[in-house]
Amino acid sequence: MKSDAQVDTKTQKSHISTQRAMAGKKQKRLNHRSIMNCSTLTRKMLAGMIIACLSITSCSKKKEIKIANATPGDTLAIVGDETVVLESAFTPGQPNGLFDGGINIHSNGKPTRLAEVNVVCSMPDLPNWPEYDNIYGRWLKDSEQPGDKGGDTDWQLLIYFTGEAKSIGKEQSPSWANRLSQNLCRKGDFSDK
């Protein structure tokens, strides 16, 4: 027969082992809750960061504005990393042109340039009209304003109705000239239709 001391020791060991098991389960539950709380916190932080990023990118993404609705400061054309921004309004002219418009060209890593631009828009099959749109311009110096020097041009681009574009100025036409011409002549994506 076992002595009372042996039974008490065995009972104590069993009780201690039960307490340890219970403590382990509580600790696991606490750890699980802690992980769940961290996970919930992480999810909330991640969701907040995603919403912040989306709102920043959607607000900062520039959008081209049709010339008919544009005011100084609006983006007229985006080509690659170059953005053409209206600086001063164009003067409508006869027969079918916009003259002496001031634009700023913003480009990643390059200084902003100011230019004066003119465009004469044509229509297919009009008698005595060319089969192309004609956009031309010149780079302005710091103190110059669009319209100060009539007739001077640095570049010129003819955009034929066949899709061909031909640069005929003193220097190569800028990469954005064709896109800007579409906006100013209300063609392509900028059509009023």
N, C-alpha and C. Protein backbone atom coordinates (compact mmCIF):
# COMPACT_ATOMS: atom_id res chain seq x y z
N MET A 1 0.81 -1.18 0.00
CA MET A 1 0.00 0.00 0.00
C MET A 1 0.87 1.25 0.00
N LYS A 2 0.37 2.31 -0.67
CA LYS A 2 1.15 3.52 -0.80
C LYS A 2 0.87 4.39 0.41
N SER A 3 1.90 5.10 0.77
CA SER A 3 1.74 5.98 1.92
C SER A 3 1.03 7.26 1.48
N ASP A 4 0.47 7.96 2.46
CA ASP A 4 -0.23 9.21 2.18
C ASP A 4 0.72 10.24 1.56
N ALA A 5 1.99 10.19 1.94
CA ALA A 5 2.97 11.14 1.42
C ALA A 5 3.17 10.92 -0.08
N GLN A 6 3.22 9.59 -0.46
CA GLN A 6 3.41 9.29 -1.87
C GLN A 6 2.20 9.74 -2.70
N VAL A 7 0.98 9.51 -2.16
CA VAL A 7 -0.24 9.91 -2.87
C VAL A 7 -0.28 11.44 -3.00
N ASP A 8 0.06 12.16 -1.89
CA ASP A 8 0.06 13.63 -1.94
C ASP A 8 1.06 14.15 -2.97
N THR A 9 2.22 13.53 -3.04
CA THR A 9 3.24 13.95 -4.00
C THR A 9 2.74 13.72 -5.42
N LYS A 10 2.14 12.55 -5.62
CA LYS A 10 1.60 12.24 -6.93
C LYS A 10 0.47 13.21 -7.29
N THR A 11 -0.40 13.53 -6.34
CA THR A 11 -1.50 14.46 -6.56
C THR A 11 -0.96 15.85 -6.87
N GLN A 12 0.09 16.23 -6.12
CA GLN A 12 0.69 17.55 -6.36
C GLN A 12 1.28 17.62 -7.77
N LYS A 13 2.00 16.56 -8.14
CA LYS A 13 2.61 16.54 -9.47
C LYS A 13 1.52 16.60 -10.55
N SER A 14 0.44 15.86 -10.35
CA SER A 14 -0.65 15.85 -11.30
C SER A 14 -1.30 17.23 -11.36
N HIS A 15 -1.48 17.84 -10.19
CA HIS A 15 -2.08 19.17 -10.12
C HIS A 15 -1.17 20.20 -10.81
N ILE A 16 0.14 20.10 -10.53
CA ILE A 16 1.10 21.02 -11.15
C ILE A 16 1.10 20.85 -12.66
N SER A 17 1.10 19.60 -13.09
CA SER A 17 1.11 19.35 -14.53
C SER A 17 -0.19 19.83 -15.17
N THR A 18 -1.33 19.71 -14.49
CA THR A 18 -2.60 20.23 -14.99
C THR A 18 -2.55 21.75 -15.07
N GLN A 19 -1.97 22.40 -14.04
CA GLN A 19 -1.85 23.86 -14.05
C GLN A 19 -0.96 24.32 -15.21
N ARG A 20 0.13 23.59 -15.41
CA ARG A 20 1.03 23.95 -16.52
C ARG A 20 0.30 23.79 -17.86
N ALA A 21 -0.46 22.72 -17.99
CA ALA A 21 -1.19 22.50 -19.24
C ALA A 21 -2.20 23.61 -19.46
N MET A 22 -2.92 23.98 -18.40
CA MET A 22 -3.91 25.04 -18.49
C MET A 22 -3.23 26.38 -18.79
N ALA A 23 -2.10 26.61 -18.12
CA ALA A 23 -1.36 27.85 -18.36
C ALA A 23 -0.88 27.88 -19.81
N GLY A 24 -0.44 26.75 -20.32
CA GLY A 24 0.01 26.67 -21.71
C GLY A 24 -1.11 26.99 -22.68
N LYS A 25 -2.32 26.44 -22.39
CA LYS A 25 -3.47 26.73 -23.25
C LYS A 25 -3.84 28.21 -23.20
N LYS A 26 -3.81 28.79 -21.96
CA LYS A 26 -4.12 30.21 -21.83
C LYS A 26 -3.10 31.04 -22.59
N GLN A 27 -1.82 30.65 -22.45
CA GLN A 27 -0.76 31.38 -23.14
C GLN A 27 -0.94 31.27 -24.65
N LYS A 28 -1.32 30.07 -25.13
CA LYS A 28 -1.55 29.90 -26.57
C LYS A 28 -2.70 30.79 -27.02
N ARG A 29 -3.78 30.80 -26.20
CA ARG A 29 -4.91 31.66 -26.54
C ARG A 29 -4.49 33.12 -26.55
N LEU A 30 -3.71 33.53 -25.54
CA LEU A 30 -3.23 34.90 -25.48
C LEU A 30 -2.34 35.21 -26.68
N ASN A 31 -1.45 34.27 -27.00
CA ASN A 31 -0.58 34.47 -28.16
C ASN A 31 -1.42 34.56 -29.44
N HIS A 32 -2.43 33.69 -29.56
CA HIS A 32 -3.29 33.70 -30.74
C HIS A 32 -4.04 35.04 -30.84
N ARG A 33 -4.57 35.50 -29.66
CA ARG A 33 -5.26 36.79 -29.67
C ARG A 33 -4.29 37.92 -30.04
N SER A 34 -3.10 37.85 -29.49
CA SER A 34 -2.09 38.86 -29.79
C SER A 34 -1.76 38.86 -31.28
N ILE A 35 -1.62 37.67 -31.84
CA ILE A 35 -1.34 37.57 -33.28
C ILE A 35 -2.53 38.10 -34.06
N MET A 36 -3.75 37.75 -33.63
CA MET A 36 -4.94 38.22 -34.31
C MET A 36 -5.02 39.75 -34.23
N ASN A 37 -4.71 40.31 -33.03
CA ASN A 37 -4.75 41.76 -32.88
C ASN A 37 -3.70 42.41 -33.79
N CYS A 38 -2.49 41.83 -33.83
CA CYS A 38 -1.45 42.36 -34.72
C CYS A 38 -1.89 42.21 -36.17
N SER A 39 -2.48 41.08 -36.48
CA SER A 39 -2.91 40.84 -37.84
C SER A 39 -4.00 41.84 -38.24
N THR A 40 -4.94 42.10 -37.33
CA THR A 40 -6.00 43.07 -37.60
C THR A 40 -5.41 44.46 -37.74
N LEU A 41 -4.47 44.79 -36.85
CA LEU A 41 -3.81 46.09 -36.91
C LEU A 41 -3.03 46.22 -38.21
N THR A 42 -2.32 45.17 -38.59
CA THR A 42 -1.56 45.19 -39.83
C THR A 42 -2.48 45.34 -41.02
N ARG A 43 -3.58 44.63 -41.02
CA ARG A 43 -4.55 44.75 -42.12
C ARG A 43 -5.09 46.17 -42.22
N LYS A 44 -5.42 46.75 -41.06
CA LYS A 44 -5.96 48.11 -41.07
C LYS A 44 -4.91 49.10 -41.57
N MET A 45 -3.66 48.93 -41.12
CA MET A 45 -2.60 49.82 -41.57
C MET A 45 -2.37 49.66 -43.07
N LEU A 46 -2.35 48.41 -43.53
CA LEU A 46 -2.14 48.14 -44.94
C LEU A 46 -3.26 48.74 -45.78
N ALA A 47 -4.50 48.57 -45.33
CA ALA A 47 -5.64 49.14 -46.05
C ALA A 47 -5.53 50.66 -46.09
N GLY A 48 -5.15 51.26 -44.98
CA GLY A 48 -4.98 52.71 -44.94
C GLY A 48 -3.89 53.19 -45.89
N MET A 49 -2.79 52.46 -45.93
CA MET A 49 -1.69 52.84 -46.83
C MET A 49 -2.11 52.69 -48.29
N ILE A 50 -2.86 51.65 -48.60
CA ILE A 50 -3.32 51.45 -49.99
C ILE A 50 -4.26 52.59 -50.39
N ILE A 51 -5.18 52.94 -49.52
CA ILE A 51 -6.12 54.03 -49.82
C ILE A 51 -5.35 55.34 -49.99
N ALA A 52 -4.37 55.60 -49.13
CA ALA A 52 -3.58 56.82 -49.24
C ALA A 52 -2.82 56.86 -50.57
N CYS A 53 -2.21 55.73 -50.94
CA CYS A 53 -1.46 55.68 -52.19
C CYS A 53 -2.37 55.89 -53.39
N LEU A 54 -3.52 55.26 -53.38
CA LEU A 54 -4.46 55.40 -54.50
C LEU A 54 -4.94 56.84 -54.62
N SER A 55 -5.23 57.47 -53.49
CA SER A 55 -5.72 58.84 -53.56
C SER A 55 -4.62 59.78 -54.03
N ILE A 56 -3.39 59.53 -53.62
CA ILE A 56 -2.29 60.38 -54.06
C ILE A 56 -2.07 60.23 -55.55
N THR A 57 -2.01 58.99 -56.04
CA THR A 57 -1.75 58.78 -57.47
C THR A 57 -2.90 59.25 -58.33
N SER A 58 -4.13 59.08 -57.86
CA SER A 58 -5.25 59.53 -58.69
C SER A 58 -5.33 61.04 -58.71
N CYS A 59 -4.93 61.69 -57.63
CA CYS A 59 -4.96 63.16 -57.62
C CYS A 59 -3.79 63.74 -58.39
N SER A 60 -2.65 63.06 -58.37
CA SER A 60 -1.49 63.63 -59.01
C SER A 60 -1.40 63.26 -60.49
N LYS A 61 -2.17 62.33 -60.94
CA LYS A 61 -2.10 61.95 -62.35
C LYS A 61 -2.67 63.10 -63.18
N LYS A 62 -1.84 63.57 -64.09
CA LYS A 62 -2.27 64.68 -64.93
C LYS A 62 -3.20 64.16 -66.01
N LYS A 63 -4.12 65.02 -66.40
CA LYS A 63 -5.10 64.65 -67.40
C LYS A 63 -5.09 65.73 -68.47
N GLU A 64 -5.18 65.32 -69.72
CA GLU A 64 -5.21 66.28 -70.82
C GLU A 64 -6.59 66.94 -70.89
N ILE A 65 -6.57 68.25 -71.06
CA ILE A 65 -7.81 69.02 -71.13
C ILE A 65 -7.97 69.52 -72.57
N LYS A 66 -9.16 69.37 -73.12
CA LYS A 66 -9.43 69.89 -74.47
C LYS A 66 -9.23 71.40 -74.48
N ILE A 67 -8.68 71.91 -75.58
CA ILE A 67 -8.39 73.34 -75.69
C ILE A 67 -9.64 74.19 -75.46
N ALA A 68 -10.79 73.70 -75.87
CA ALA A 68 -12.03 74.47 -75.70
C ALA A 68 -12.36 74.70 -74.22
N ASN A 69 -11.89 73.82 -73.34
CA ASN A 69 -12.18 73.93 -71.91
C ASN A 69 -10.97 74.37 -71.10
N ALA A 70 -9.83 74.57 -71.74
CA ALA A 70 -8.58 74.81 -71.02
C ALA A 70 -8.43 76.27 -70.59
N THR A 71 -7.81 76.44 -69.45
CA THR A 71 -7.41 77.74 -68.95
C THR A 71 -5.93 77.66 -68.59
N PRO A 72 -5.24 78.78 -68.48
CA PRO A 72 -3.82 78.71 -68.13
C PRO A 72 -3.58 77.84 -66.89
N GLY A 73 -2.57 76.98 -67.02
CA GLY A 73 -2.25 76.02 -65.96
C GLY A 73 -2.73 74.62 -66.27
N ASP A 74 -3.63 74.47 -67.26
CA ASP A 74 -4.16 73.16 -67.63
C ASP A 74 -3.19 72.43 -68.57
N THR A 75 -3.20 71.11 -68.47
CA THR A 75 -2.38 70.26 -69.33
C THR A 75 -3.08 70.04 -70.66
N LEU A 76 -2.38 70.33 -71.76
CA LEU A 76 -2.94 70.17 -73.10
C LEU A 76 -2.52 68.86 -73.75
N ALA A 77 -1.31 68.40 -73.46
CA ALA A 77 -0.80 67.17 -74.09
C ALA A 77 0.23 66.51 -73.17
N ILE A 78 0.23 65.18 -73.20
CA ILE A 78 1.22 64.40 -72.47
C ILE A 78 1.79 63.38 -73.44
N VAL A 79 3.11 63.42 -73.61
CA VAL A 79 3.80 62.47 -74.48
C VAL A 79 5.03 61.99 -73.72
N GLY A 80 5.04 60.70 -73.37
CA GLY A 80 6.15 60.16 -72.58
C GLY A 80 6.23 60.89 -71.26
N ASP A 81 7.42 61.42 -70.93
CA ASP A 81 7.56 62.14 -69.66
C ASP A 81 7.43 63.66 -69.85
N GLU A 82 6.99 64.07 -71.04
CA GLU A 82 6.82 65.50 -71.30
C GLU A 82 5.35 65.89 -71.18
N THR A 83 5.12 67.01 -70.50
CA THR A 83 3.78 67.53 -70.30
C THR A 83 3.73 68.95 -70.85
N VAL A 84 2.75 69.22 -71.70
CA VAL A 84 2.58 70.54 -72.30
C VAL A 84 1.45 71.24 -71.54
N VAL A 85 1.79 72.37 -70.92
CA VAL A 85 0.84 73.09 -70.08
C VAL A 85 0.57 74.47 -70.70
N LEU A 86 -0.70 74.84 -70.76
CA LEU A 86 -1.10 76.14 -71.30
C LEU A 86 -0.62 77.24 -70.35
N GLU A 87 0.16 78.16 -70.88
CA GLU A 87 0.68 79.28 -70.10
C GLU A 87 -0.15 80.54 -70.36
N SER A 88 -0.41 80.82 -71.63
CA SER A 88 -1.26 81.96 -71.99
C SER A 88 -2.13 81.57 -73.18
N ALA A 89 -3.34 82.06 -73.19
CA ALA A 89 -4.36 81.63 -74.16
C ALA A 89 -3.95 81.93 -75.60
N PHE A 90 -4.43 81.09 -76.49
CA PHE A 90 -4.25 81.28 -77.93
C PHE A 90 -5.21 82.35 -78.40
N THR A 91 -4.83 83.04 -79.48
CA THR A 91 -5.70 84.01 -80.13
C THR A 91 -6.30 83.33 -81.34
N PRO A 92 -7.63 83.22 -81.40
CA PRO A 92 -8.23 82.61 -82.58
C PRO A 92 -7.99 83.50 -83.79
N GLY A 93 -7.77 82.86 -84.93
CA GLY A 93 -7.50 83.63 -86.13
C GLY A 93 -8.24 83.08 -87.33
N GLN A 94 -8.25 83.86 -88.35
CA GLN A 94 -8.88 83.44 -89.59
C GLN A 94 -7.79 82.95 -90.52
N PRO A 95 -7.99 81.99 -91.29
CA PRO A 95 -9.26 81.33 -91.48
C PRO A 95 -9.55 80.25 -90.42
N ASN A 96 -8.61 79.43 -90.06
CA ASN A 96 -8.93 78.35 -89.14
C ASN A 96 -7.71 78.04 -88.28
N GLY A 97 -7.31 79.00 -87.47
CA GLY A 97 -6.09 78.80 -86.72
C GLY A 97 -6.15 79.36 -85.32
N LEU A 98 -5.17 78.98 -84.57
CA LEU A 98 -4.95 79.51 -83.22
C LEU A 98 -3.52 80.04 -83.21
N PHE A 99 -3.34 81.25 -82.71
CA PHE A 99 -2.04 81.89 -82.82
C PHE A 99 -1.54 82.42 -81.49
N ASP A 100 -0.21 82.50 -81.41
CA ASP A 100 0.51 83.11 -80.29
C ASP A 100 0.13 82.54 -78.92
N GLY A 101 -0.08 81.25 -78.86
CA GLY A 101 -0.35 80.61 -77.58
C GLY A 101 0.95 80.36 -76.84
N GLY A 102 0.92 80.56 -75.56
CA GLY A 102 2.11 80.30 -74.73
C GLY A 102 1.97 78.97 -74.02
N ILE A 103 3.00 78.14 -74.11
CA ILE A 103 2.96 76.85 -73.43
C ILE A 103 4.26 76.63 -72.66
N ASN A 104 4.16 75.89 -71.58
CA ASN A 104 5.31 75.43 -70.81
C ASN A 104 5.47 73.95 -71.06
N ILE A 105 6.68 73.51 -71.23
CA ILE A 105 6.95 72.08 -71.40
C ILE A 105 7.69 71.61 -70.16
N HIS A 106 7.05 70.70 -69.44
CA HIS A 106 7.66 70.11 -68.25
C HIS A 106 8.13 68.72 -68.61
N SER A 107 9.34 68.39 -68.18
CA SER A 107 9.90 67.06 -68.47
C SER A 107 10.74 66.63 -67.29
N ASN A 108 10.67 65.35 -66.94
CA ASN A 108 11.46 64.83 -65.82
C ASN A 108 12.94 65.08 -66.06
N GLY A 109 13.58 65.73 -65.10
CA GLY A 109 15.01 65.92 -65.16
C GLY A 109 15.48 67.04 -66.07
N LYS A 110 14.59 67.73 -66.76
CA LYS A 110 14.98 68.81 -67.65
C LYS A 110 14.34 70.11 -67.18
N PRO A 111 14.99 71.24 -67.44
CA PRO A 111 14.37 72.51 -67.06
C PRO A 111 13.11 72.77 -67.88
N THR A 112 12.19 73.50 -67.30
CA THR A 112 10.96 73.87 -67.99
C THR A 112 11.30 74.83 -69.12
N ARG A 113 10.65 74.64 -70.27
CA ARG A 113 10.85 75.53 -71.41
C ARG A 113 9.54 76.20 -71.77
N LEU A 114 9.64 77.44 -72.18
CA LEU A 114 8.47 78.19 -72.61
C LEU A 114 8.54 78.34 -74.13
N ALA A 115 7.40 78.14 -74.79
CA ALA A 115 7.36 78.24 -76.25
C ALA A 115 6.11 78.99 -76.69
N GLU A 116 6.22 79.59 -77.86
CA GLU A 116 5.07 80.18 -78.53
C GLU A 116 4.66 79.20 -79.63
N VAL A 117 3.37 78.92 -79.73
CA VAL A 117 2.89 77.94 -80.70
C VAL A 117 1.76 78.55 -81.52
N ASN A 118 1.74 78.20 -82.81
CA ASN A 118 0.68 78.57 -83.73
C ASN A 118 0.23 77.30 -84.44
N VAL A 119 -1.03 77.24 -84.80
CA VAL A 119 -1.52 76.07 -85.55
C VAL A 119 -2.57 76.53 -86.55
N VAL A 120 -2.48 75.96 -87.74
CA VAL A 120 -3.52 76.19 -88.76
C VAL A 120 -4.12 74.81 -89.04
N CYS A 121 -5.39 74.68 -88.76
CA CYS A 121 -6.07 73.40 -88.90
C CYS A 121 -6.79 73.35 -90.26
N SER A 122 -6.74 72.21 -90.88
CA SER A 122 -7.38 72.04 -92.18
C SER A 122 -8.44 70.95 -92.06
N MET A 123 -9.19 70.79 -93.13
CA MET A 123 -10.21 69.75 -93.19
C MET A 123 -10.02 68.99 -94.50
N PRO A 124 -10.22 67.69 -94.48
CA PRO A 124 -10.08 66.92 -95.73
C PRO A 124 -11.05 67.40 -96.80
N ASP A 125 -10.58 67.40 -98.01
CA ASP A 125 -11.40 67.68 -99.19
C ASP A 125 -12.00 69.08 -99.26
N LEU A 126 -11.39 70.04 -98.60
CA LEU A 126 -11.85 71.42 -98.73
C LEU A 126 -11.12 72.05 -99.91
N PRO A 127 -11.84 72.68 -100.82
CA PRO A 127 -11.17 73.31 -101.97
C PRO A 127 -10.17 74.38 -101.51
N ASN A 128 -9.02 74.38 -102.14
CA ASN A 128 -7.96 75.35 -101.88
C ASN A 128 -7.35 75.27 -100.48
N TRP A 129 -7.56 74.14 -99.80
CA TRP A 129 -6.95 73.94 -98.49
C TRP A 129 -5.99 72.77 -98.57
N PRO A 130 -4.88 72.85 -97.83
CA PRO A 130 -3.91 71.75 -97.86
C PRO A 130 -4.47 70.50 -97.17
N GLU A 131 -3.88 69.38 -97.48
CA GLU A 131 -4.31 68.09 -96.91
C GLU A 131 -3.52 67.78 -95.63
N TYR A 132 -3.26 68.80 -94.83
CA TYR A 132 -2.51 68.60 -93.58
C TYR A 132 -2.84 69.72 -92.60
N ASP A 133 -2.57 69.43 -91.30
CA ASP A 133 -2.60 70.46 -90.27
C ASP A 133 -1.16 70.95 -90.12
N ASN A 134 -1.00 72.21 -89.77
CA ASN A 134 0.31 72.83 -89.70
C ASN A 134 0.50 73.43 -88.30
N ILE A 135 1.44 72.88 -87.54
CA ILE A 135 1.75 73.43 -86.21
C ILE A 135 3.21 73.89 -86.23
N TYR A 136 3.45 75.07 -85.71
CA TYR A 136 4.81 75.60 -85.70
C TYR A 136 5.01 76.47 -84.47
N GLY A 137 6.27 76.64 -84.10
CA GLY A 137 6.53 77.42 -82.91
C GLY A 137 7.98 77.81 -82.75
N ARG A 138 8.22 78.52 -81.67
CA ARG A 138 9.59 78.93 -81.35
C ARG A 138 9.76 78.93 -79.84
N TRP A 139 11.00 78.72 -79.45
CA TRP A 139 11.33 78.72 -78.02
C TRP A 139 11.49 80.17 -77.57
N LEU A 140 10.92 80.49 -76.44
CA LEU A 140 10.99 81.85 -75.91
C LEU A 140 12.14 82.00 -74.93
N LYS A 141 12.74 83.18 -74.94
CA LYS A 141 13.76 83.50 -73.95
C LYS A 141 13.06 84.00 -72.70
N ASP A 142 13.79 84.14 -71.62
CA ASP A 142 13.21 84.49 -70.31
C ASP A 142 12.25 85.67 -70.34
N SER A 143 12.61 86.75 -71.00
CA SER A 143 11.79 87.97 -70.93
C SER A 143 10.74 88.06 -72.04
N GLU A 144 10.76 87.14 -72.98
CA GLU A 144 9.83 87.20 -74.11
C GLU A 144 8.43 86.69 -73.75
N GLN A 145 7.48 87.25 -74.47
CA GLN A 145 6.09 86.82 -74.33
C GLN A 145 5.62 86.29 -75.68
N PRO A 146 4.66 85.36 -75.70
CA PRO A 146 4.11 84.89 -76.98
C PRO A 146 3.56 86.08 -77.77
N GLY A 147 3.86 86.11 -79.07
CA GLY A 147 3.37 87.17 -79.94
C GLY A 147 4.32 88.34 -80.08
N ASP A 148 5.42 88.38 -79.32
CA ASP A 148 6.37 89.49 -79.41
C ASP A 148 7.03 89.59 -80.78
N LYS A 149 7.41 88.44 -81.34
CA LYS A 149 8.10 88.43 -82.63
C LYS A 149 7.29 87.60 -83.61
N GLY A 150 6.51 88.24 -84.42
CA GLY A 150 5.72 87.51 -85.40
C GLY A 150 6.57 86.94 -86.51
N GLY A 151 6.26 85.75 -86.95
CA GLY A 151 6.92 85.17 -88.11
C GLY A 151 8.12 84.29 -87.83
N ASP A 152 8.78 84.46 -86.69
CA ASP A 152 9.94 83.62 -86.38
C ASP A 152 9.47 82.24 -85.93
N THR A 153 10.11 81.20 -86.45
CA THR A 153 9.81 79.84 -86.00
C THR A 153 11.10 79.07 -85.86
N ASP A 154 11.13 78.16 -84.88
CA ASP A 154 12.27 77.25 -84.69
C ASP A 154 11.95 75.88 -85.27
N TRP A 155 10.69 75.49 -85.22
CA TRP A 155 10.28 74.16 -85.70
C TRP A 155 8.91 74.25 -86.35
N GLN A 156 8.64 73.29 -87.22
CA GLN A 156 7.33 73.24 -87.90
C GLN A 156 7.03 71.79 -88.24
N LEU A 157 5.79 71.40 -88.04
CA LEU A 157 5.37 70.03 -88.32
C LEU A 157 4.09 70.06 -89.15
N LEU A 158 4.12 69.34 -90.27
CA LEU A 158 2.92 69.16 -91.09
C LEU A 158 2.39 67.77 -90.81
N ILE A 159 1.12 67.68 -90.42
CA ILE A 159 0.50 66.39 -90.11
C ILE A 159 -0.55 66.13 -91.20
N TYR A 160 -0.19 65.23 -92.14
CA TYR A 160 -1.06 64.92 -93.27
C TYR A 160 -2.23 64.05 -92.83
N PHE A 161 -3.32 64.13 -93.54
CA PHE A 161 -4.51 63.34 -93.21
C PHE A 161 -4.27 61.85 -93.44
N THR A 162 -3.20 61.49 -94.12
CA THR A 162 -2.84 60.08 -94.32
C THR A 162 -2.18 59.50 -93.08
N GLY A 163 -1.82 60.37 -92.12
CA GLY A 163 -1.14 59.93 -90.91
C GLY A 163 0.34 60.26 -90.91
N GLU A 164 0.88 60.63 -92.07
CA GLU A 164 2.29 60.99 -92.16
C GLU A 164 2.53 62.33 -91.47
N ALA A 165 3.64 62.45 -90.76
CA ALA A 165 4.04 63.72 -90.15
C ALA A 165 5.41 64.09 -90.69
N LYS A 166 5.55 65.35 -91.10
CA LYS A 166 6.79 65.79 -91.73
C LYS A 166 7.30 67.05 -91.04
N SER A 167 8.50 66.96 -90.46
CA SER A 167 9.13 68.09 -89.80
C SER A 167 9.89 68.90 -90.84
N ILE A 168 9.58 70.21 -90.97
CA ILE A 168 10.23 71.02 -92.01
C ILE A 168 10.88 72.29 -91.45
N GLY A 169 10.98 72.46 -90.15
CA GLY A 169 11.53 73.67 -89.57
C GLY A 169 13.05 73.67 -89.50
N LYS A 170 13.60 74.72 -88.89
CA LYS A 170 15.05 74.83 -88.69
C LYS A 170 15.58 73.68 -87.83
N GLU A 171 14.78 73.28 -86.87
CA GLU A 171 15.16 72.16 -86.01
C GLU A 171 14.04 71.13 -85.99
N GLN A 172 14.35 69.95 -85.53
CA GLN A 172 13.37 68.86 -85.47
C GLN A 172 12.19 69.27 -84.59
N SER A 173 10.99 68.93 -85.01
CA SER A 173 9.79 69.24 -84.22
C SER A 173 9.83 68.48 -82.90
N PRO A 174 9.33 69.09 -81.83
CA PRO A 174 9.29 68.40 -80.53
C PRO A 174 8.39 67.16 -80.60
N SER A 175 8.66 66.21 -79.73
CA SER A 175 7.90 64.95 -79.71
C SER A 175 6.42 65.16 -79.40
N TRP A 176 6.08 66.22 -78.74
CA TRP A 176 4.70 66.48 -78.34
C TRP A 176 3.91 67.29 -79.38
N ALA A 177 4.56 67.78 -80.44
CA ALA A 177 3.89 68.67 -81.40
C ALA A 177 2.67 68.01 -82.05
N ASN A 178 2.79 66.75 -82.43
CA ASN A 178 1.68 66.05 -83.08
C ASN A 178 0.48 65.95 -82.13
N ARG A 179 0.73 65.55 -80.89
CA ARG A 179 -0.36 65.40 -79.91
C ARG A 179 -1.01 66.75 -79.61
N LEU A 180 -0.20 67.79 -79.48
CA LEU A 180 -0.74 69.12 -79.22
C LEU A 180 -1.58 69.59 -80.41
N SER A 181 -1.13 69.31 -81.62
CA SER A 181 -1.88 69.67 -82.81
C SER A 181 -3.26 69.01 -82.82
N GLN A 182 -3.32 67.74 -82.40
CA GLN A 182 -4.62 67.05 -82.33
C GLN A 182 -5.56 67.78 -81.38
N ASN A 183 -5.05 68.23 -80.25
CA ASN A 183 -5.88 68.94 -79.29
C ASN A 183 -6.32 70.29 -79.87
N LEU A 184 -5.37 71.04 -80.40
CA LEU A 184 -5.70 72.38 -80.90
C LEU A 184 -6.64 72.33 -82.10
N CYS A 185 -6.52 71.29 -82.92
CA CYS A 185 -7.39 71.14 -84.09
C CYS A 185 -8.62 70.27 -83.80
N ARG A 186 -8.77 69.85 -82.56
CA ARG A 186 -9.93 69.06 -82.11
C ARG A 186 -10.09 67.78 -82.92
N LYS A 187 -9.03 67.04 -83.02
CA LYS A 187 -9.04 65.79 -83.78
C LYS A 187 -8.64 64.63 -82.88
N GLY A 188 -8.89 63.41 -83.34
CA GLY A 188 -8.53 62.23 -82.57
C GLY A 188 -9.27 62.18 -81.26
N ASP A 189 -8.54 61.97 -80.16
CA ASP A 189 -9.14 61.91 -78.82
C ASP A 189 -9.82 63.21 -78.41
N PHE A 190 -9.46 64.29 -79.07
CA PHE A 190 -9.96 65.61 -78.70
C PHE A 190 -11.13 66.07 -79.55
N SER A 191 -11.65 65.20 -80.38
CA SER A 191 -12.76 65.54 -81.27
C SER A 191 -13.99 65.97 -80.46
N ASP A 192 -14.74 66.90 -81.02
CA ASP A 192 -15.97 67.34 -80.35
C ASP A 192 -17.12 66.36 -80.53
N LYS A 193 -16.94 65.37 -81.39
CA LYS A 193 -18.01 64.40 -81.68
C LYS A 193 -18.20 63.45 -80.54
